[in-house]
Amino acid sequence: MNRIKEVLKQQGRTQTWLAEQIGKSYVVVTNYCNNNTQPSIPVLRDIAKVLDVDVRELLVPTKE
């Protein structure tokens, strides 16, 4: 599970914007945001870089 959608909302950015920034289609990014598919680690790192957040902020913790 990822938190890409929440981080985009916090930053006031759109899925379309993110798709353009990382060179993926809107459909692919929408699937990431809706947790239908998960980005690979390299893509997740690219997303974190574009959003200027630590990659860990994009992930749902598995332990408290």
PDB file of N, CA and C in Angstrom:
ATOM      1  N   MET A   1       0.835  -1.182   0.000  1.00  0.00           N
ATOM      2  CA  MET A   1       0.000   0.000   0.000  1.00  0.00           C
ATOM      3  C   MET A   1       0.885   1.251   0.000  1.00  0.00           C
ATOM      4  N   ASN A   2       0.411   2.265  -0.710  1.00  0.00           N
ATOM      5  CA  ASN A   2       1.172   3.504  -0.741  1.00  0.00           C
ATOM      6  C   ASN A   2       0.277   4.693  -0.420  1.00  0.00           C
ATOM      7  N   ARG A   3       0.903   5.826  -0.181  1.00  0.00           N
ATOM      8  CA  ARG A   3       0.207   7.049   0.198  1.00  0.00           C
ATOM      9  C   ARG A   3       0.368   8.146  -0.855  1.00  0.00           C
ATOM     10  N   ILE A   4       0.615   7.780  -2.086  1.00  0.00           N
ATOM     11  CA  ILE A   4       0.866   8.768  -3.130  1.00  0.00           C
ATOM     12  C   ILE A   4      -0.303   9.734  -3.259  1.00  0.00           C
ATOM     13  N   LYS A   5      -1.510   9.207  -3.263  1.00  0.00           N
ATOM     14  CA  LYS A   5      -2.699  10.051  -3.420  1.00  0.00           C
ATOM     15  C   LYS A   5      -2.795  11.091  -2.294  1.00  0.00           C
ATOM     16  N   GLU A   6      -2.539  10.666  -1.052  1.00  0.00           N
ATOM     17  CA  GLU A   6      -2.608  11.587   0.083  1.00  0.00           C
ATOM     18  C   GLU A   6      -1.553  12.685  -0.008  1.00  0.00           C
ATOM     19  N   VAL A   7      -0.343  12.301  -0.406  1.00  0.00           N
ATOM     20  CA  VAL A   7       0.737  13.287  -0.515  1.00  0.00           C
ATOM     21  C   VAL A   7       0.429  14.291  -1.632  1.00  0.00           C
ATOM     22  N   LEU A   8      -0.087  13.812  -2.744  1.00  0.00           N
ATOM     23  CA  LEU A   8      -0.477  14.727  -3.826  1.00  0.00           C
ATOM     24  C   LEU A   8      -1.524  15.716  -3.328  1.00  0.00           C
ATOM     25  N   LYS A   9      -2.511  15.231  -2.593  1.00  0.00           N
ATOM     26  CA  LYS A   9      -3.574  16.100  -2.082  1.00  0.00           C
ATOM     27  C   LYS A   9      -3.004  17.137  -1.111  1.00  0.00           C
ATOM     28  N   GLN A  10      -2.107  16.698  -0.226  1.00  0.00           N
ATOM     29  CA  GLN A  10      -1.484  17.614   0.733  1.00  0.00           C
ATOM     30  C   GLN A  10      -0.732  18.738   0.025  1.00  0.00           C
ATOM     31  N   GLN A  11      -0.123  18.401  -1.107  1.00  0.00           N
ATOM     32  CA  GLN A  11       0.671  19.383  -1.850  1.00  0.00           C
ATOM     33  C   GLN A  11      -0.151  20.165  -2.867  1.00  0.00           C
ATOM     34  N   GLY A  12      -1.419  19.816  -3.027  1.00  0.00           N
ATOM     35  CA  GLY A  12      -2.265  20.505  -3.988  1.00  0.00           C
ATOM     36  C   GLY A  12      -1.895  20.189  -5.434  1.00  0.00           C
ATOM     37  N   ARG A  13      -1.378  19.009  -5.664  1.00  0.00           N
ATOM     38  CA  ARG A  13      -0.960  18.592  -7.007  1.00  0.00           C
ATOM     39  C   ARG A  13      -1.915  17.529  -7.535  1.00  0.00           C
ATOM     40  N   THR A  14      -1.894  17.347  -8.850  1.00  0.00           N
ATOM     41  CA  THR A  14      -2.801  16.391  -9.483  1.00  0.00           C
ATOM     42  C   THR A  14      -2.056  15.151  -9.957  1.00  0.00           C
ATOM     43  N   GLN A  15      -2.826  14.119 -10.204  1.00  0.00           N
ATOM     44  CA  GLN A  15      -2.258  12.894 -10.750  1.00  0.00           C
ATOM     45  C   GLN A  15      -1.720  13.130 -12.160  1.00  0.00           C
ATOM     46  N   THR A  16      -2.396  13.994 -12.911  1.00  0.00           N
ATOM     47  CA  THR A  16      -1.933  14.340 -14.257  1.00  0.00           C
ATOM     48  C   THR A  16      -0.560  14.990 -14.195  1.00  0.00           C
ATOM     49  N   TRP A  17      -0.392  15.913 -13.262  1.00  0.00           N
ATOM     50  CA  TRP A  17       0.893  16.590 -13.086  1.00  0.00           C
ATOM     51  C   TRP A  17       1.983  15.566 -12.773  1.00  0.00           C
ATOM     52  N   LEU A  18       1.700  14.652 -11.834  1.00  0.00           N
ATOM     53  CA  LEU A  18       2.689  13.648 -11.455  1.00  0.00           C
ATOM     54  C   LEU A  18       3.039  12.766 -12.645  1.00  0.00           C
ATOM     55  N   ALA A  19       2.041  12.366 -13.405  1.00  0.00           N
ATOM     56  CA  ALA A  19       2.283  11.521 -14.583  1.00  0.00           C
ATOM     57  C   ALA A  19       3.254  12.202 -15.543  1.00  0.00           C
ATOM     58  N   GLU A  20       3.052  13.492 -15.781  1.00  0.00           N
ATOM     59  CA  GLU A  20       3.934  14.243 -16.674  1.00  0.00           C
ATOM     60  C   GLU A  20       5.354  14.316 -16.109  1.00  0.00           C
ATOM     61  N   GLN A  21       5.466  14.504 -14.806  1.00  0.00           N
ATOM     62  CA  GLN A  21       6.777  14.662 -14.171  1.00  0.00           C
ATOM     63  C   GLN A  21       7.602  13.383 -14.206  1.00  0.00           C
ATOM     64  N   ILE A  22       6.946  12.234 -14.089  1.00  0.00           N
ATOM     65  CA  ILE A  22       7.695  10.974 -14.029  1.00  0.00           C
ATOM     66  C   ILE A  22       7.675  10.216 -15.352  1.00  0.00           C
ATOM     67  N   GLY A  23       7.023  10.778 -16.364  1.00  0.00           N
ATOM     68  CA  GLY A  23       7.024  10.150 -17.683  1.00  0.00           C
ATOM     69  C   GLY A  23       6.180   8.900 -17.787  1.00  0.00           C
ATOM     70  N   LYS A  24       5.104   8.856 -17.005  1.00  0.00           N
ATOM     71  CA  LYS A  24       4.176   7.726 -17.053  1.00  0.00           C
ATOM     72  C   LYS A  24       2.816   8.246 -17.520  1.00  0.00           C
ATOM     73  N   SER A  25       1.963   7.334 -17.961  1.00  0.00           N
ATOM     74  CA  SER A  25       0.621   7.744 -18.388  1.00  0.00           C
ATOM     75  C   SER A  25      -0.244   8.059 -17.167  1.00  0.00           C
ATOM     76  N   TYR A  26      -1.287   8.829 -17.398  1.00  0.00           N
ATOM     77  CA  TYR A  26      -2.231   9.161 -16.333  1.00  0.00           C
ATOM     78  C   TYR A  26      -2.839   7.883 -15.749  1.00  0.00           C
ATOM     79  N   VAL A  27      -3.136   6.913 -16.602  1.00  0.00           N
ATOM     80  CA  VAL A  27      -3.749   5.657 -16.155  1.00  0.00           C
ATOM     81  C   VAL A  27      -2.821   4.919 -15.193  1.00  0.00           C
ATOM     82  N   VAL A  28      -1.551   4.869 -15.508  1.00  0.00           N
ATOM     83  CA  VAL A  28      -0.581   4.197 -14.636  1.00  0.00           C
ATOM     84  C   VAL A  28      -0.539   4.889 -13.276  1.00  0.00           C
ATOM     85  N   VAL A  29      -0.455   6.207 -13.270  1.00  0.00           N
ATOM     86  CA  VAL A  29      -0.393   6.955 -12.008  1.00  0.00           C
ATOM     87  C   VAL A  29      -1.691   6.788 -11.225  1.00  0.00           C
ATOM     88  N   THR A  30      -2.823   6.791 -11.899  1.00  0.00           N
ATOM     89  CA  THR A  30      -4.104   6.576 -11.224  1.00  0.00           C
ATOM     90  C   THR A  30      -4.128   5.206 -10.556  1.00  0.00           C
ATOM     91  N   ASN A  31      -3.601   4.196 -11.233  1.00  0.00           N
ATOM     92  CA  ASN A  31      -3.531   2.866 -10.623  1.00  0.00           C
ATOM     93  C   ASN A  31      -2.634   2.858  -9.397  1.00  0.00           C
ATOM     94  N   TYR A  32      -1.532   3.602  -9.432  1.00  0.00           N
ATOM     95  CA  TYR A  32      -0.680   3.742  -8.248  1.00  0.00           C
ATOM     96  C   TYR A  32      -1.466   4.408  -7.119  1.00  0.00           C
ATOM     97  N   CYS A  33      -2.133   5.511  -7.432  1.00  0.00           N
ATOM     98  CA  CYS A  33      -2.844   6.297  -6.419  1.00  0.00           C
ATOM     99  C   CYS A  33      -4.004   5.529  -5.792  1.00  0.00           C
ATOM    100  N   ASN A  34      -4.633   4.673  -6.567  1.00  0.00           N
ATOM    101  CA  ASN A  34      -5.752   3.882  -6.053  1.00  0.00           C
ATOM    102  C   ASN A  34      -5.316   2.529  -5.507  1.00  0.00           C
ATOM    103  N   ASN A  35      -4.010   2.313  -5.439  1.00  0.00           N
ATOM    104  CA  ASN A  35      -3.437   1.067  -4.933  1.00  0.00           C
ATOM    105  C   ASN A  35      -3.902  -0.165  -5.705  1.00  0.00           C
ATOM    106  N   ASN A  36      -4.199   0.019  -6.984  1.00  0.00           N
ATOM    107  CA  ASN A  36      -4.514  -1.124  -7.847  1.00  0.00           C
ATOM    108  C   ASN A  36      -3.231  -1.829  -8.275  1.00  0.00           C
ATOM    109  N   THR A  37      -2.171  -1.044  -8.464  1.00  0.00           N
ATOM    110  CA  THR A  37      -0.838  -1.574  -8.736  1.00  0.00           C
ATOM    111  C   THR A  37       0.136  -0.757  -7.901  1.00  0.00           C
ATOM    112  N   GLN A  38       1.308  -1.331  -7.678  1.00  0.00           N
ATOM    113  CA  GLN A  38       2.323  -0.638  -6.901  1.00  0.00           C
ATOM    114  C   GLN A  38       3.501  -0.294  -7.806  1.00  0.00           C
ATOM    115  N   PRO A  39       4.045   0.904  -7.643  1.00  0.00           N
ATOM    116  CA  PRO A  39       5.219   1.269  -8.444  1.00  0.00           C
ATOM    117  C   PRO A  39       6.431   0.445  -8.013  1.00  0.00           C
ATOM    118  N   SER A  40       7.325   0.241  -8.957  1.00  0.00           N
ATOM    119  CA  SER A  40       8.589  -0.421  -8.619  1.00  0.00           C
ATOM    120  C   SER A  40       9.385   0.512  -7.700  1.00  0.00           C
ATOM    121  N   ILE A  41      10.395  -0.025  -7.070  1.00  0.00           N
ATOM    122  CA  ILE A  41      11.226   0.789  -6.167  1.00  0.00           C
ATOM    123  C   ILE A  41      11.858   1.971  -6.909  1.00  0.00           C
ATOM    124  N   PRO A  42      12.436   1.772  -8.102  1.00  0.00           N
ATOM    125  CA  PRO A  42      12.998   2.927  -8.812  1.00  0.00           C
ATOM    126  C   PRO A  42      11.940   3.998  -9.138  1.00  0.00           C
ATOM    127  N   VAL A  43      10.749   3.581  -9.512  1.00  0.00           N
ATOM    128  CA  VAL A  43       9.683   4.544  -9.817  1.00  0.00           C
ATOM    129  C   VAL A  43       9.237   5.240  -8.538  1.00  0.00           C
ATOM    130  N   LEU A  44       9.135   4.506  -7.445  1.00  0.00           N
ATOM    131  CA  LEU A  44       8.768   5.103  -6.166  1.00  0.00           C
ATOM    132  C   LEU A  44       9.792   6.154  -5.753  1.00  0.00           C
ATOM    133  N   ARG A  45      11.057   5.867  -5.996  1.00  0.00           N
ATOM    134  CA  ARG A  45      12.112   6.854  -5.703  1.00  0.00           C
ATOM    135  C   ARG A  45      11.956   8.093  -6.581  1.00  0.00           C
ATOM    136  N   ASP A  46      11.624   7.899  -7.855  1.00  0.00           N
ATOM    137  CA  ASP A  46      11.390   9.037  -8.753  1.00  0.00           C
ATOM    138  C   ASP A  46      10.226   9.888  -8.262  1.00  0.00           C
ATOM    139  N   ILE A  47       9.157   9.227  -7.837  1.00  0.00           N
ATOM    140  CA  ILE A  47       7.988   9.946  -7.328  1.00  0.00           C
ATOM    141  C   ILE A  47       8.368  10.751  -6.092  1.00  0.00           C
ATOM    142  N   ALA A  48       9.109  10.136  -5.180  1.00  0.00           N
ATOM    143  CA  ALA A  48       9.544  10.827  -3.963  1.00  0.00           C
ATOM    144  C   ALA A  48      10.396  12.045  -4.308  1.00  0.00           C
ATOM    145  N   LYS A  49      11.273  11.896  -5.278  1.00  0.00           N
ATOM    146  CA  LYS A  49      12.132  13.013  -5.680  1.00  0.00           C
ATOM    147  C   LYS A  49      11.300  14.161  -6.257  1.00  0.00           C
ATOM    148  N   VAL A  50      10.360  13.842  -7.128  1.00  0.00           N
ATOM    149  CA  VAL A  50       9.511  14.868  -7.747  1.00  0.00           C
ATOM    150  C   VAL A  50       8.656  15.572  -6.692  1.00  0.00           C
ATOM    151  N   LEU A  51       8.160  14.809  -5.721  1.00  0.00           N
ATOM    152  CA  LEU A  51       7.312  15.385  -4.672  1.00  0.00           C
ATOM    153  C   LEU A  51       8.127  15.991  -3.528  1.00  0.00           C
ATOM    154  N   ASP A  52       9.453  15.820  -3.583  1.00  0.00           N
ATOM    155  CA  ASP A  52      10.363  16.345  -2.572  1.00  0.00           C
ATOM    156  C   ASP A  52      10.006  15.839  -1.173  1.00  0.00           C
ATOM    157  N   VAL A  53       9.818  14.520  -1.085  1.00  0.00           N
ATOM    158  CA  VAL A  53       9.553  13.875   0.199  1.00  0.00           C
ATOM    159  C   VAL A  53      10.470  12.664   0.332  1.00  0.00           C
ATOM    160  N   ASP A  54      10.639  12.210   1.561  1.00  0.00           N
ATOM    161  CA  ASP A  54      11.366  10.968   1.798  1.00  0.00           C
ATOM    162  C   ASP A  54      10.510   9.826   1.264  1.00  0.00           C
ATOM    163  N   VAL A  55      11.123   8.858   0.639  1.00  0.00           N
ATOM    164  CA  VAL A  55      10.389   7.737   0.050  1.00  0.00           C
ATOM    165  C   VAL A  55       9.520   7.036   1.100  1.00  0.00           C
ATOM    166  N   ARG A  56       9.951   7.045   2.341  1.00  0.00           N
ATOM    167  CA  ARG A  56       9.182   6.403   3.413  1.00  0.00           C
ATOM    168  C   ARG A  56       7.837   7.070   3.643  1.00  0.00           C
ATOM    169  N   GLU A  57       7.716   8.353   3.308  1.00  0.00           N
ATOM    170  CA  GLU A  57       6.448   9.055   3.451  1.00  0.00           C
ATOM    171  C   GLU A  57       5.405   8.557   2.460  1.00  0.00           C
ATOM    172  N   LEU A  58       5.849   7.894   1.416  1.00  0.00           N
ATOM    173  CA  LEU A  58       4.931   7.388   0.400  1.00  0.00           C
ATOM    174  C   LEU A  58       4.425   5.989   0.718  1.00  0.00           C
ATOM    175  N   LEU A  59       4.943   5.389   1.784  1.00  0.00           N
ATOM    176  CA  LEU A  59       4.575   4.022   2.131  1.00  0.00           C
ATOM    177  C   LEU A  59       3.751   3.987   3.415  1.00  0.00           C
ATOM    178  N   VAL A  60       2.843   3.029   3.483  1.00  0.00           N
ATOM    179  CA  VAL A  60       2.079   2.796   4.680  1.00  0.00           C
ATOM    180  C   VAL A  60       2.935   1.920   5.593  1.00  0.00           C
ATOM    181  N   PRO A  61       3.171   2.356   6.829  1.00  0.00           N
ATOM    182  CA  PRO A  61       4.018   1.563   7.728  1.00  0.00           C
ATOM    183  C   PRO A  61       3.417   0.186   7.995  1.00  0.00           C
ATOM    184  N   THR A  62       4.278  -0.807   8.124  1.00  0.00           N
ATOM    185  CA  THR A  62       3.813  -2.146   8.441  1.00  0.00           C
ATOM    186  C   THR A  62       3.884  -2.425   9.936  1.00  0.00           C
ATOM    187  N   LYS A  63       4.630  -1.588  10.656  1.00  0.00           N
ATOM    188  CA  LYS A  63       4.728  -1.714  12.116  1.00  0.00           C
ATOM    189  C   LYS A  63       4.601  -0.350  12.733  1.00  0.00           C
ATOM    190  N   GLU A  64       4.040  -0.325  13.898  1.00  0.00           N
ATOM    191  CA  GLU A  64       3.884   0.954  14.621  1.00  0.00           C
ATOM    192  C   GLU A  64       5.116   1.274  15.415  1.00  0.00           C
TER     193      GLU A  64
END
